[in-house]
Amino acid sequence: MSRNDVKKSFEAGQAHSEENDMIQKNDFAKFIREKRREYNEMHQQQLSTRKIARILGMSESSFPKVLNRERPTKHRDVVIAIGLVLELLPGEVSEALRLYCMPELEDPRKLSGEEVDRDKFLSNLMIGNNSRKLCSSIHKVNELLKEAGFRTLTIEPKAD
């Protein structure tokens, strides 16, 4: 294989990798859009992206950029909070985290013991939320986390 062939092969592999990254970036936004549509159908209402941003206390203009990963969040809790607002089950939140290239819920390979315990607590809240034992208020979730001795959800502050 000539040096030129190696270079072409490397560039083709790099282009393929970039294409996969782009698909992956879009997959999270598509997943959340579908889950929002399901939420709206189930509740007979219109929960918009702007409304989710307000519920989370995030900027209405930067939140879509977080969803599209144009300006990705470093806080895993943002994805978890989106799942709580949309009343997702733990498996669906894990899928959302995976699509955002973050550790899934309760993943002991990538999280510390304390984080796994906190994730288990959040998973139980999500299950309770879906059986109507809990409201989907982020404020309420943070109160419950605090009462249980865990840190509250870390969500980017509003910055408009």
Protein backbone atom coordinates (compact mmCIF):
# COMPACT_ATOMS: atom_id res chain seq x y z
CA MET A 1 0.00 0.00 0.00
CA SER A 2 1.46 3.32 -1.05
CA ARG A 3 1.76 6.32 1.20
CA ASN A 4 -0.97 8.03 -0.84
CA ASP A 5 -3.31 5.02 -0.36
CA VAL A 6 -2.73 5.13 3.40
CA LYS A 7 -3.52 8.85 3.43
CA LYS A 8 -6.74 8.30 1.42
CA SER A 9 -7.76 5.44 3.71
CA PHE A 10 -7.13 7.58 6.80
CA GLU A 11 -9.13 10.49 5.36
CA ALA A 12 -12.00 8.16 4.42
CA GLY A 13 -12.01 6.72 7.93
CA GLN A 14 -11.94 10.23 9.41
CA ALA A 15 -14.86 11.31 7.21
CA HIS A 16 -16.81 8.20 8.25
CA SER A 17 -16.08 8.97 11.92
CA GLU A 18 -17.27 12.57 11.50
CA GLU A 19 -20.42 11.31 9.77
CA ASN A 20 -21.14 8.98 12.73
CA ASP A 21 -20.58 11.88 15.14
CA MET A 22 -23.08 14.00 13.24
CA ILE A 23 -25.67 11.23 13.24
CA GLN A 24 -25.12 10.75 16.94
CA LYS A 25 -25.59 14.46 17.64
CA ASN A 26 -28.90 14.43 15.79
CA ASP A 27 -30.07 11.19 17.40
CA PHE A 28 -30.42 12.79 20.84
CA ALA A 29 -32.53 15.69 19.53
CA LYS A 30 -34.71 13.26 17.52
CA PHE A 31 -35.17 11.03 20.57
CA ILE A 32 -36.22 13.95 22.78
CA ARG A 33 -38.50 15.34 20.07
CA GLU A 34 -40.26 11.94 19.83
CA LYS A 35 -40.60 11.65 23.62
CA ARG A 36 -41.98 15.22 23.78
CA ARG A 37 -44.53 14.31 21.09
CA GLU A 38 -45.56 11.23 23.11
CA TYR A 39 -45.85 13.35 26.27
CA ASN A 40 -48.01 15.91 24.46
CA GLU A 41 -50.31 13.21 23.08
CA MET A 42 -50.65 11.52 26.46
CA HIS A 43 -51.40 14.76 28.32
CA GLN A 44 -53.36 16.47 25.54
CA GLN A 45 -51.17 19.57 25.74
CA GLN A 46 -48.33 21.32 23.97
CA LEU A 47 -45.07 21.10 25.93
CA SER A 48 -42.70 23.11 23.76
CA THR A 49 -38.91 23.26 23.83
CA ARG A 50 -39.20 26.78 25.28
CA LYS A 51 -41.48 25.54 28.05
CA ILE A 52 -39.04 22.75 28.95
CA ALA A 53 -36.23 25.34 29.08
CA ARG A 54 -38.29 27.48 31.49
CA ILE A 55 -39.13 24.47 33.68
CA LEU A 56 -35.43 23.63 33.89
CA GLY A 57 -34.49 27.27 34.50
CA MET A 58 -32.35 27.37 31.37
CA SER A 59 -32.08 30.02 28.69
CA GLU A 60 -34.77 29.64 26.02
CA SER A 61 -32.27 30.55 23.33
CA SER A 62 -29.43 28.24 24.41
CA PHE A 63 -31.54 25.22 25.38
CA PRO A 64 -32.14 24.14 21.74
CA LYS A 65 -28.37 24.30 21.24
CA VAL A 66 -27.95 21.93 24.17
CA LEU A 67 -30.55 19.59 22.64
CA ASN A 68 -28.84 19.67 19.24
CA ARG A 69 -25.44 19.38 20.89
CA GLU A 70 -24.25 22.55 19.17
CA ARG A 71 -23.31 23.73 22.65
CA PRO A 72 -23.26 20.43 24.57
CA THR A 73 -23.84 20.37 28.28
CA LYS A 74 -21.22 18.87 30.57
CA HIS A 75 -23.87 18.23 33.21
CA ARG A 76 -25.39 14.76 33.01
CA ASP A 77 -28.16 16.07 35.28
CA VAL A 78 -29.51 18.23 32.44
CA VAL A 79 -30.34 15.11 30.43
CA ILE A 80 -31.78 13.44 33.55
CA ALA A 81 -33.91 16.53 34.28
CA ILE A 82 -35.24 16.57 30.71
CA GLY A 83 -36.24 12.94 31.25
CA LEU A 84 -38.00 13.84 34.50
CA VAL A 85 -39.94 16.66 32.82
CA LEU A 86 -41.01 14.32 30.00
CA GLU A 87 -41.90 11.62 32.56
CA LEU A 88 -39.53 9.10 31.00
CA LEU A 89 -38.82 5.73 32.57
CA PRO A 90 -35.28 4.91 33.73
CA GLY A 91 -34.52 2.88 30.58
CA GLU A 92 -35.56 5.79 28.39
CA VAL A 93 -33.40 8.20 30.40
CA SER A 94 -30.48 5.77 30.06
CA GLU A 95 -31.05 5.77 26.30
CA ALA A 96 -31.08 9.58 26.26
CA LEU A 97 -27.83 9.66 28.26
CA ARG A 98 -26.26 7.13 25.88
CA LEU A 99 -27.27 9.23 22.88
CA TYR A 100 -25.66 12.25 24.57
CA CYS A 101 -22.46 10.19 25.09
CA MET A 102 -22.82 10.16 28.87
CA PRO A 103 -22.86 7.28 31.38
CA GLU A 104 -26.25 5.59 31.54
CA LEU A 105 -28.23 5.45 34.78
CA GLU A 106 -26.68 3.25 37.48
CA ASP A 107 -23.66 2.31 35.35
CA PRO A 108 -21.11 1.06 37.92
CA ARG A 109 -18.40 0.85 35.25
CA LYS A 110 -18.41 4.62 34.71
CA LEU A 111 -19.83 6.05 37.93
CA SER A 112 -18.72 6.10 41.56
CA GLY A 113 -20.71 4.22 44.22
CA GLU A 114 -22.35 7.42 45.45
CA GLU A 115 -23.41 8.38 41.92
CA VAL A 116 -24.85 4.90 41.35
CA ASP A 117 -26.86 5.20 44.60
CA ARG A 118 -28.11 8.64 43.55
CA ASP A 119 -29.06 7.24 40.13
CA LYS A 120 -30.98 4.39 41.82
CA PHE A 121 -32.85 6.98 43.88
CA LEU A 122 -33.63 9.00 40.73
CA SER A 123 -34.73 5.82 38.91
CA ASN A 124 -37.19 5.10 41.72
CA LEU A 125 -38.51 8.67 41.46
CA MET A 126 -38.98 8.21 37.71
CA ILE A 127 -40.94 5.01 38.27
CA GLY A 128 -43.02 6.73 40.96
CA ASN A 129 -43.55 9.70 38.67
CA ASN A 130 -44.95 7.43 35.98
CA SER A 131 -47.32 5.73 38.41
CA ARG A 132 -48.52 9.22 39.51
CA LYS A 133 -47.00 9.06 43.00
CA LEU A 134 -44.83 12.13 42.33
CA CYS A 135 -45.17 15.35 40.43
CA SER A 136 -42.56 16.05 37.76
CA SER A 137 -41.41 19.30 39.38
CA ILE A 138 -37.63 19.68 39.31
CA HIS A 139 -37.92 21.67 42.56
CA LYS A 140 -39.70 18.71 44.21
CA VAL A 141 -37.10 16.27 42.88
CA ASN A 142 -34.33 18.44 44.32
CA GLU A 143 -36.08 18.57 47.70
CA LEU A 144 -36.35 14.77 47.73
CA LEU A 145 -32.70 14.36 46.70
CA LYS A 146 -31.61 16.72 49.47
CA GLU A 147 -33.76 14.92 52.08
CA ALA A 148 -32.17 11.61 51.05
CA GLY A 149 -28.66 13.07 51.44
CA PHE A 150 -27.83 13.40 47.75
CA ARG A 151 -26.74 16.48 45.84
CA THR A 152 -29.44 18.29 43.89
CA LEU A 153 -29.65 18.29 40.10
CA THR A 154 -26.97 20.44 38.45
CA ILE A 155 -28.50 22.42 35.63
CA GLU A 156 -26.91 25.33 33.79
CA PRO A 157 -28.16 28.70 34.99
CA LYS A 158 -30.24 30.94 32.79
CA ALA A 159 -27.96 33.19 30.74
CA ASP A 160 -29.81 35.32 28.20
